[in-house]
């Protein structure tokens, strides 16, 4: 049976690992912003920064998608989800690990959020949903 002839149930039996991988990958990215809130007190105490300074990193991470999501979309369309997500996971993990090197410089704090914000776009919902949508077509065909 070709992919175009599969029923919705057959698609789920065949492609559930992809849906699980997308769920796992998406949940991997859901902790960084809330984690900053958890560490707000200790970071404020350690580096003597205000909450506005600490929140500026999250703001940068939130603004970057405005400019970079179209680029990520073109890259996913050109190279495919797998070739974007796998290096994206490694790059995002490295960007998160880089925060352990903070030395109290506010410029360094901002400098770490920029690559994190850029790398994390490679493993955000738009990329995962593209992968899942590319294999689940039966419900669409039945409309």
Protein backbone atom coordinates (compact mmCIF):
# COMPACT_ATOMS: atom_id res chain seq x y z
CA UNK A 1 0.00 0.00 0.00
CA UNK A 2 1.47 3.36 -0.97
CA UNK A 3 1.48 6.35 1.36
CA UNK A 4 -1.33 7.97 -0.65
CA UNK A 5 -3.58 4.93 -0.10
CA UNK A 6 -3.02 4.57 3.66
CA UNK A 7 -5.89 4.95 6.09
CA UNK A 8 -5.50 7.22 9.09
CA UNK A 9 -5.08 4.19 11.37
CA UNK A 10 -2.41 2.71 9.10
CA UNK A 11 -0.58 6.03 9.07
CA UNK A 12 -0.53 6.09 12.87
CA UNK A 13 0.74 2.52 13.02
CA UNK A 14 3.46 3.37 10.52
CA UNK A 15 4.48 6.85 11.65
CA UNK A 16 3.85 6.98 15.41
CA UNK A 17 7.61 7.05 16.15
CA UNK A 18 7.87 10.33 14.26
CA UNK A 19 4.99 11.83 16.24
CA UNK A 20 6.66 10.67 19.48
CA UNK A 21 10.02 12.09 18.38
CA UNK A 22 8.37 15.41 17.54
CA UNK A 23 6.66 15.49 20.94
CA UNK A 24 9.93 14.70 22.69
CA UNK A 25 11.88 17.23 20.65
CA UNK A 26 9.33 19.94 21.27
CA UNK A 27 9.26 19.25 24.99
CA UNK A 28 13.07 19.45 25.04
CA UNK A 29 12.77 23.12 24.14
CA UNK A 30 9.98 23.97 26.54
CA UNK A 31 12.14 24.24 29.66
CA UNK A 32 14.67 27.01 28.96
CA UNK A 33 12.46 30.07 29.36
CA UNK A 34 10.69 28.81 32.51
CA UNK A 35 14.05 27.68 33.92
CA UNK A 36 15.29 31.25 33.73
CA UNK A 37 12.49 32.20 36.10
CA UNK A 38 13.55 29.52 38.55
CA UNK A 39 17.14 30.78 38.50
CA UNK A 40 16.19 34.47 38.60
CA UNK A 41 16.85 34.80 42.33
CA UNK A 42 20.22 33.02 42.38
CA UNK A 43 21.40 34.82 39.22
CA UNK A 44 20.35 38.19 40.64
CA UNK A 45 22.24 37.45 43.82
CA UNK A 46 25.33 36.02 42.10
CA UNK A 47 25.80 38.65 39.40
CA UNK A 48 24.05 41.59 41.12
CA UNK A 49 21.84 42.18 38.11
CA UNK A 50 18.29 43.42 38.14
CA UNK A 51 15.36 41.39 36.93
CA UNK A 52 15.11 43.61 33.85
CA UNK A 53 18.66 42.70 32.85
CA UNK A 54 17.99 38.99 33.34
CA UNK A 55 14.74 39.20 31.38
CA UNK A 56 16.45 40.93 28.48
CA UNK A 57 17.91 37.60 27.41
CA UNK A 58 14.45 36.10 27.13
CA UNK A 59 13.31 39.17 25.20
CA UNK A 60 16.09 38.67 22.68
CA UNK A 61 15.13 35.03 22.34
CA UNK A 62 11.53 36.10 21.71
CA UNK A 63 12.41 38.79 19.14
CA UNK A 64 14.81 36.73 17.00
CA UNK A 65 12.04 34.57 15.50
CA UNK A 66 10.53 37.66 13.88
CA UNK A 67 13.56 37.82 11.62
CA UNK A 68 14.81 34.24 11.45
CA UNK A 69 11.71 32.02 11.16
CA UNK A 70 11.31 32.73 7.42
CA UNK A 71 14.94 31.70 6.90
CA UNK A 72 14.41 28.50 8.91
CA UNK A 73 11.32 27.75 6.82
CA UNK A 74 13.29 28.06 3.59
CA UNK A 75 16.06 25.85 4.98
CA UNK A 76 13.56 23.18 6.08
CA UNK A 77 11.89 23.24 2.66
CA UNK A 78 15.23 22.97 0.89
CA UNK A 79 17.06 20.41 3.07
CA UNK A 80 14.29 18.59 4.93
CA UNK A 81 13.36 18.38 8.56
CA UNK A 82 15.85 15.72 9.61
CA UNK A 83 18.83 17.67 8.26
CA UNK A 84 17.69 20.72 10.22
CA UNK A 85 16.52 19.13 13.47
CA UNK A 86 19.46 16.84 14.21
CA UNK A 87 22.16 19.54 14.02
CA UNK A 88 19.67 21.91 15.66
CA UNK A 89 19.39 19.66 18.72
CA UNK A 90 23.16 19.50 19.08
CA UNK A 91 23.58 23.25 18.56
CA UNK A 92 20.78 24.09 20.99
CA UNK A 93 22.21 21.75 23.64
CA UNK A 94 25.61 23.41 23.19
CA UNK A 95 24.04 26.87 23.46
CA UNK A 96 22.29 25.86 26.69
CA UNK A 97 25.52 24.37 28.07
CA UNK A 98 27.32 27.62 27.26
CA UNK A 99 25.31 29.36 29.99
CA UNK A 100 27.39 27.44 32.52
CA UNK A 101 30.36 29.57 31.45
CA UNK A 102 28.82 32.86 32.59
CA UNK A 103 31.26 35.04 34.48
CA UNK A 104 29.06 37.97 35.45
CA UNK A 105 29.44 40.02 32.28
CA UNK A 106 26.11 41.36 31.10
CA UNK A 107 27.43 41.49 27.52
CA UNK A 108 28.23 37.79 27.81
CA UNK A 109 24.67 37.12 29.06
CA UNK A 110 23.25 38.84 25.98
CA UNK A 111 25.86 37.15 23.81
CA UNK A 112 24.73 33.72 25.01
CA UNK A 113 21.04 34.41 24.40
CA UNK A 114 21.54 35.38 20.75
CA UNK A 115 22.94 31.98 19.62
CA UNK A 116 20.51 30.16 21.90
CA UNK A 117 17.60 32.03 20.32
CA UNK A 118 18.88 31.32 16.82
CA UNK A 119 19.70 27.64 17.44
CA UNK A 120 16.44 26.95 19.22
CA UNK A 121 14.50 27.96 16.12
CA UNK A 122 15.84 24.81 14.49
CA UNK A 123 13.91 22.68 16.99
CA UNK A 124 10.74 24.71 17.49
CA UNK A 125 7.14 23.76 16.73
CA UNK A 126 7.22 24.89 13.09
CA UNK A 127 9.99 22.44 12.26
CA UNK A 128 8.48 19.50 14.16
CA UNK A 129 4.98 20.10 12.79
CA UNK A 130 6.40 20.19 9.26
CA UNK A 131 7.87 16.73 9.78
CA UNK A 132 4.64 15.31 11.17
CA UNK A 133 2.44 16.96 8.55
CA UNK A 134 4.62 15.56 5.77
CA UNK A 135 3.68 11.95 6.59
CA UNK A 136 0.10 12.17 7.87
CA UNK A 137 -2.06 12.70 4.81
CA UNK A 138 -5.04 10.32 5.12
CA UNK A 139 -7.28 12.69 7.08
CA UNK A 140 -6.50 15.44 4.58
CA UNK A 141 -7.36 13.18 1.64
CA UNK A 142 -10.69 12.15 3.18
CA UNK A 143 -12.03 15.74 3.30
